[in-house]
Amino acid sequence: MAEVKHIFTSDDLFTTLNTSRNSKKIVQVFLFGTIRGGVYGFALLFTLILMMKILIFVFSSASQLNVTVYDVLISFYGFLLSALVNFLSLIKKYLHLSRSR
């Protein structure tokens, strides 16, 4: 069965993990990869919220467009969730784990 590639990670991080056994480099890869995945998740969720607010503003009788701090906080959940998924996928790849049926 073909393995599905995670959309928030890239092959360059996996290549670095496979070729390097330096602990400092491995920590940098895990930290950078996790933060990069989190930023992608934040941007995706914030863009989705912003687009929905713009569509509601355009197609309804609302007189003003409000983007609040709560919208940013909700988008931060996207950062946390995406960073966690990305971190776990890096651990899986680093430890060469696979699903067994």
N, C-alpha and C. Protein backbone atom coordinates (compact mmCIF):
# COMPACT_ATOMS: atom_id res chain seq x y z
N MET A 1 0.84 -1.18 0.00
CA MET A 1 0.00 0.00 0.00
C MET A 1 0.88 1.24 0.00
N ALA A 2 0.55 2.21 -0.81
CA ALA A 2 1.34 3.43 -0.91
C ALA A 2 1.18 4.27 0.34
N GLU A 3 2.28 4.88 0.75
CA GLU A 3 2.25 5.71 1.94
C GLU A 3 1.85 7.13 1.56
N VAL A 4 0.99 7.72 2.34
CA VAL A 4 0.51 9.07 2.08
C VAL A 4 1.50 10.06 2.68
N LYS A 5 1.91 11.04 1.89
CA LYS A 5 2.84 12.05 2.35
C LYS A 5 2.07 13.13 3.10
N HIS A 6 2.60 13.55 4.24
CA HIS A 6 1.97 14.60 5.03
C HIS A 6 2.19 15.93 4.34
N ILE A 7 1.15 16.76 4.27
CA ILE A 7 1.24 17.99 3.47
C ILE A 7 2.06 19.08 4.13
N PHE A 8 2.29 19.01 5.45
CA PHE A 8 3.02 20.08 6.12
C PHE A 8 4.49 19.77 6.32
N THR A 9 4.95 18.65 5.87
CA THR A 9 6.37 18.32 5.95
C THR A 9 6.92 18.20 4.55
N SER A 10 8.23 18.29 4.46
CA SER A 10 8.83 18.18 3.14
C SER A 10 9.94 17.14 3.16
N ASP A 11 10.30 16.71 1.99
CA ASP A 11 11.31 15.66 1.87
C ASP A 11 12.69 16.13 2.31
N ASP A 12 12.96 17.44 2.25
CA ASP A 12 14.28 17.90 2.66
C ASP A 12 14.52 17.66 4.14
N LEU A 13 13.48 17.79 4.97
CA LEU A 13 13.64 17.49 6.39
C LEU A 13 13.92 16.01 6.60
N PHE A 14 13.22 15.15 5.87
CA PHE A 14 13.43 13.72 6.01
C PHE A 14 14.81 13.31 5.51
N THR A 15 15.27 13.94 4.44
CA THR A 15 16.60 13.64 3.93
C THR A 15 17.66 14.05 4.95
N THR A 16 17.48 15.21 5.58
CA THR A 16 18.42 15.66 6.60
C THR A 16 18.42 14.70 7.78
N LEU A 17 17.25 14.22 8.17
CA LEU A 17 17.18 13.27 9.27
C LEU A 17 17.90 11.97 8.94
N ASN A 18 17.76 11.49 7.72
CA ASN A 18 18.36 10.22 7.34
C ASN A 18 19.87 10.31 7.18
N THR A 19 20.39 11.46 6.77
CA THR A 19 21.82 11.58 6.51
C THR A 19 22.60 12.06 7.72
N SER A 20 21.95 12.65 8.70
CA SER A 20 22.66 13.23 9.84
C SER A 20 22.39 12.43 11.11
N ARG A 21 23.44 12.20 11.87
CA ARG A 21 23.30 11.60 13.19
C ARG A 21 23.80 12.55 14.27
N ASN A 22 24.03 13.81 13.89
CA ASN A 22 24.44 14.84 14.84
C ASN A 22 23.21 15.25 15.65
N SER A 23 23.32 15.17 16.97
CA SER A 23 22.15 15.44 17.81
C SER A 23 21.69 16.89 17.70
N LYS A 24 22.62 17.83 17.54
CA LYS A 24 22.23 19.24 17.40
C LYS A 24 21.44 19.45 16.12
N LYS A 25 21.86 18.81 15.04
CA LYS A 25 21.17 18.93 13.76
C LYS A 25 19.79 18.28 13.82
N ILE A 26 19.69 17.16 14.51
CA ILE A 26 18.40 16.48 14.65
C ILE A 26 17.42 17.34 15.43
N VAL A 27 17.88 17.98 16.51
CA VAL A 27 17.00 18.87 17.29
C VAL A 27 16.56 20.06 16.44
N GLN A 28 17.48 20.61 15.64
CA GLN A 28 17.11 21.72 14.76
C GLN A 28 16.07 21.30 13.74
N VAL A 29 16.21 20.12 13.18
CA VAL A 29 15.25 19.63 12.19
C VAL A 29 13.88 19.44 12.84
N PHE A 30 13.85 18.83 14.02
CA PHE A 30 12.58 18.63 14.71
C PHE A 30 11.94 19.96 15.08
N LEU A 31 12.73 20.90 15.59
CA LEU A 31 12.20 22.20 15.99
C LEU A 31 11.72 22.99 14.78
N PHE A 32 12.55 23.07 13.74
CA PHE A 32 12.19 23.82 12.54
C PHE A 32 10.99 23.20 11.84
N GLY A 33 10.99 21.88 11.73
CA GLY A 33 9.89 21.20 11.06
C GLY A 33 8.58 21.36 11.80
N THR A 34 8.63 21.30 13.12
CA THR A 34 7.42 21.46 13.92
C THR A 34 6.87 22.87 13.83
N ILE A 35 7.75 23.84 13.92
CA ILE A 35 7.31 25.24 13.84
C ILE A 35 6.78 25.55 12.44
N ARG A 36 7.44 25.04 11.42
CA ARG A 36 6.98 25.29 10.05
C ARG A 36 5.60 24.68 9.82
N GLY A 37 5.39 23.48 10.30
CA GLY A 37 4.08 22.87 10.18
C GLY A 37 3.02 23.64 10.95
N GLY A 38 3.39 24.14 12.13
CA GLY A 38 2.45 24.93 12.93
C GLY A 38 2.07 26.24 12.26
N VAL A 39 3.05 26.88 11.65
CA VAL A 39 2.76 28.15 10.94
C VAL A 39 1.84 27.89 9.76
N TYR A 40 2.04 26.79 9.05
CA TYR A 40 1.14 26.45 7.95
C TYR A 40 -0.28 26.21 8.45
N GLY A 41 -0.40 25.52 9.57
CA GLY A 41 -1.73 25.27 10.14
C GLY A 41 -2.40 26.56 10.60
N PHE A 42 -1.63 27.44 11.23
CA PHE A 42 -2.17 28.74 11.66
C PHE A 42 -2.64 29.54 10.45
N ALA A 43 -1.80 29.62 9.43
CA ALA A 43 -2.14 30.40 8.24
C ALA A 43 -3.37 29.83 7.54
N LEU A 44 -3.46 28.52 7.48
CA LEU A 44 -4.60 27.88 6.83
C LEU A 44 -5.90 28.19 7.57
N LEU A 45 -5.89 28.03 8.87
CA LEU A 45 -7.11 28.27 9.65
C LEU A 45 -7.47 29.75 9.70
N PHE A 46 -6.47 30.63 9.83
CA PHE A 46 -6.75 32.06 9.87
C PHE A 46 -7.29 32.54 8.52
N THR A 47 -6.73 32.03 7.43
CA THR A 47 -7.23 32.39 6.10
C THR A 47 -8.66 31.92 5.92
N LEU A 48 -8.95 30.71 6.38
CA LEU A 48 -10.30 30.19 6.29
C LEU A 48 -11.29 31.06 7.08
N ILE A 49 -10.93 31.43 8.30
CA ILE A 49 -11.79 32.29 9.13
C ILE A 49 -11.97 33.65 8.46
N LEU A 50 -10.88 34.21 7.96
CA LEU A 50 -10.95 35.53 7.32
C LEU A 50 -11.81 35.49 6.05
N MET A 51 -11.67 34.46 5.26
CA MET A 51 -12.48 34.34 4.04
C MET A 51 -13.96 34.19 4.39
N MET A 52 -14.27 33.42 5.42
CA MET A 52 -15.67 33.26 5.83
C MET A 52 -16.24 34.60 6.32
N LYS A 53 -15.45 35.36 7.07
CA LYS A 53 -15.93 36.67 7.54
C LYS A 53 -16.14 37.63 6.37
N ILE A 54 -15.26 37.58 5.38
CA ILE A 54 -15.42 38.45 4.21
C ILE A 54 -16.65 38.05 3.42
N LEU A 55 -16.87 36.75 3.24
CA LEU A 55 -18.06 36.30 2.51
C LEU A 55 -19.34 36.67 3.25
N ILE A 56 -19.34 36.53 4.56
CA ILE A 56 -20.51 36.93 5.35
C ILE A 56 -20.74 38.43 5.23
N PHE A 57 -19.67 39.22 5.24
CA PHE A 57 -19.79 40.67 5.11
C PHE A 57 -20.35 41.06 3.74
N VAL A 58 -19.87 40.39 2.69
CA VAL A 58 -20.29 40.74 1.34
C VAL A 58 -21.75 40.34 1.08
N PHE A 59 -22.14 39.14 1.53
CA PHE A 59 -23.47 38.63 1.19
C PHE A 59 -24.54 38.87 2.24
N SER A 60 -24.21 39.53 3.32
CA SER A 60 -25.23 39.83 4.33
C SER A 60 -25.38 41.34 4.46
N SER A 61 -26.22 41.71 5.38
CA SER A 61 -26.46 43.14 5.58
C SER A 61 -25.60 43.72 6.69
N ALA A 62 -24.48 43.08 6.99
CA ALA A 62 -23.58 43.59 8.04
C ALA A 62 -22.94 44.89 7.57
N SER A 63 -22.82 45.83 8.49
CA SER A 63 -22.30 47.14 8.12
C SER A 63 -20.79 47.27 8.31
N GLN A 64 -20.18 46.33 9.06
CA GLN A 64 -18.74 46.39 9.24
C GLN A 64 -18.16 44.98 9.35
N LEU A 65 -16.89 44.90 9.01
CA LEU A 65 -16.16 43.64 9.06
C LEU A 65 -15.33 43.63 10.34
N ASN A 66 -15.56 42.67 11.20
CA ASN A 66 -14.84 42.59 12.47
C ASN A 66 -13.95 41.35 12.50
N VAL A 67 -12.66 41.59 12.73
CA VAL A 67 -11.71 40.50 12.99
C VAL A 67 -11.21 40.74 14.41
N THR A 68 -11.48 39.78 15.29
CA THR A 68 -11.18 39.98 16.70
C THR A 68 -9.99 39.13 17.13
N VAL A 69 -9.59 39.34 18.36
CA VAL A 69 -8.51 38.56 18.95
C VAL A 69 -8.90 37.09 19.04
N TYR A 70 -10.18 36.82 19.21
CA TYR A 70 -10.64 35.44 19.30
C TYR A 70 -10.42 34.68 18.00
N ASP A 71 -10.46 35.38 16.89
CA ASP A 71 -10.17 34.74 15.61
C ASP A 71 -8.71 34.28 15.55
N VAL A 72 -7.83 35.10 16.09
CA VAL A 72 -6.41 34.74 16.14
C VAL A 72 -6.21 33.59 17.12
N LEU A 73 -6.90 33.60 18.24
CA LEU A 73 -6.78 32.51 19.22
C LEU A 73 -7.29 31.19 18.65
N ILE A 74 -8.38 31.24 17.92
CA ILE A 74 -8.89 30.02 17.28
C ILE A 74 -7.88 29.52 16.25
N SER A 75 -7.25 30.44 15.52
CA SER A 75 -6.23 30.05 14.55
C SER A 75 -5.01 29.45 15.24
N PHE A 76 -4.75 29.88 16.47
CA PHE A 76 -3.63 29.31 17.23
C PHE A 76 -3.86 27.83 17.51
N TYR A 77 -5.11 27.41 17.64
CA TYR A 77 -5.41 25.99 17.78
C TYR A 77 -4.97 25.23 16.53
N GLY A 78 -5.12 25.85 15.39
CA GLY A 78 -4.62 25.25 14.15
C GLY A 78 -3.11 25.10 14.19
N PHE A 79 -2.42 26.09 14.77
CA PHE A 79 -0.97 26.00 14.93
C PHE A 79 -0.61 24.81 15.81
N LEU A 80 -1.28 24.70 16.95
CA LEU A 80 -0.96 23.62 17.89
C LEU A 80 -1.24 22.25 17.29
N LEU A 81 -2.39 22.11 16.66
CA LEU A 81 -2.76 20.82 16.09
C LEU A 81 -1.82 20.42 14.96
N SER A 82 -1.52 21.35 14.08
CA SER A 82 -0.65 21.05 12.95
C SER A 82 0.78 20.78 13.42
N ALA A 83 1.26 21.53 14.41
CA ALA A 83 2.60 21.30 14.94
C ALA A 83 2.70 19.93 15.59
N LEU A 84 1.66 19.52 16.31
CA LEU A 84 1.66 18.21 16.95
C LEU A 84 1.67 17.09 15.92
N VAL A 85 0.84 17.21 14.90
CA VAL A 85 0.79 16.19 13.84
C VAL A 85 2.13 16.13 13.12
N ASN A 86 2.71 17.27 12.84
CA ASN A 86 3.99 17.31 12.15
C ASN A 86 5.10 16.71 13.01
N PHE A 87 5.11 17.01 14.29
CA PHE A 87 6.11 16.47 15.20
C PHE A 87 6.00 14.95 15.28
N LEU A 88 4.78 14.45 15.37
CA LEU A 88 4.59 13.00 15.44
C LEU A 88 4.99 12.31 14.13
N SER A 89 4.73 12.97 12.99
CA SER A 89 5.14 12.38 11.72
C SER A 89 6.66 12.38 11.58
N LEU A 90 7.35 13.40 12.12
CA LEU A 90 8.81 13.41 12.10
C LEU A 90 9.37 12.31 12.99
N ILE A 91 8.76 12.08 14.14
CA ILE A 91 9.20 11.00 15.02
C ILE A 91 8.99 9.65 14.33
N LYS A 92 7.86 9.49 13.68
CA LYS A 92 7.57 8.25 12.97
C LYS A 92 8.62 8.00 11.90
N LYS A 93 8.93 9.04 11.14
CA LYS A 93 9.91 8.89 10.07
C LYS A 93 11.31 8.64 10.64
N TYR A 94 11.66 9.32 11.72
CA TYR A 94 12.98 9.17 12.32
C TYR A 94 13.18 7.77 12.91
N LEU A 95 12.16 7.24 13.53
CA LEU A 95 12.27 5.93 14.15
C LEU A 95 11.92 4.80 13.18
N HIS A 96 11.62 5.15 11.94
CA HIS A 96 11.28 4.17 10.89
C HIS A 96 10.11 3.28 11.30
N LEU A 97 9.10 3.91 11.84
CA LEU A 97 7.89 3.16 12.24
C LEU A 97 6.96 3.05 11.05
N SER A 98 6.22 1.97 11.03
CA SER A 98 5.22 1.80 9.97
C SER A 98 4.02 1.10 10.56
N ARG A 99 2.90 1.23 9.86
CA ARG A 99 1.69 0.55 10.31
C ARG A 99 1.81 -0.93 10.03
N SER A 100 1.38 -1.70 10.98
CA SER A 100 1.35 -3.14 10.74
C SER A 100 -0.11 -3.59 10.75
N ARG A 101 -0.43 -4.46 9.83
CA ARG A 101 -1.80 -4.94 9.73
C ARG A 101 -1.94 -6.24 10.43
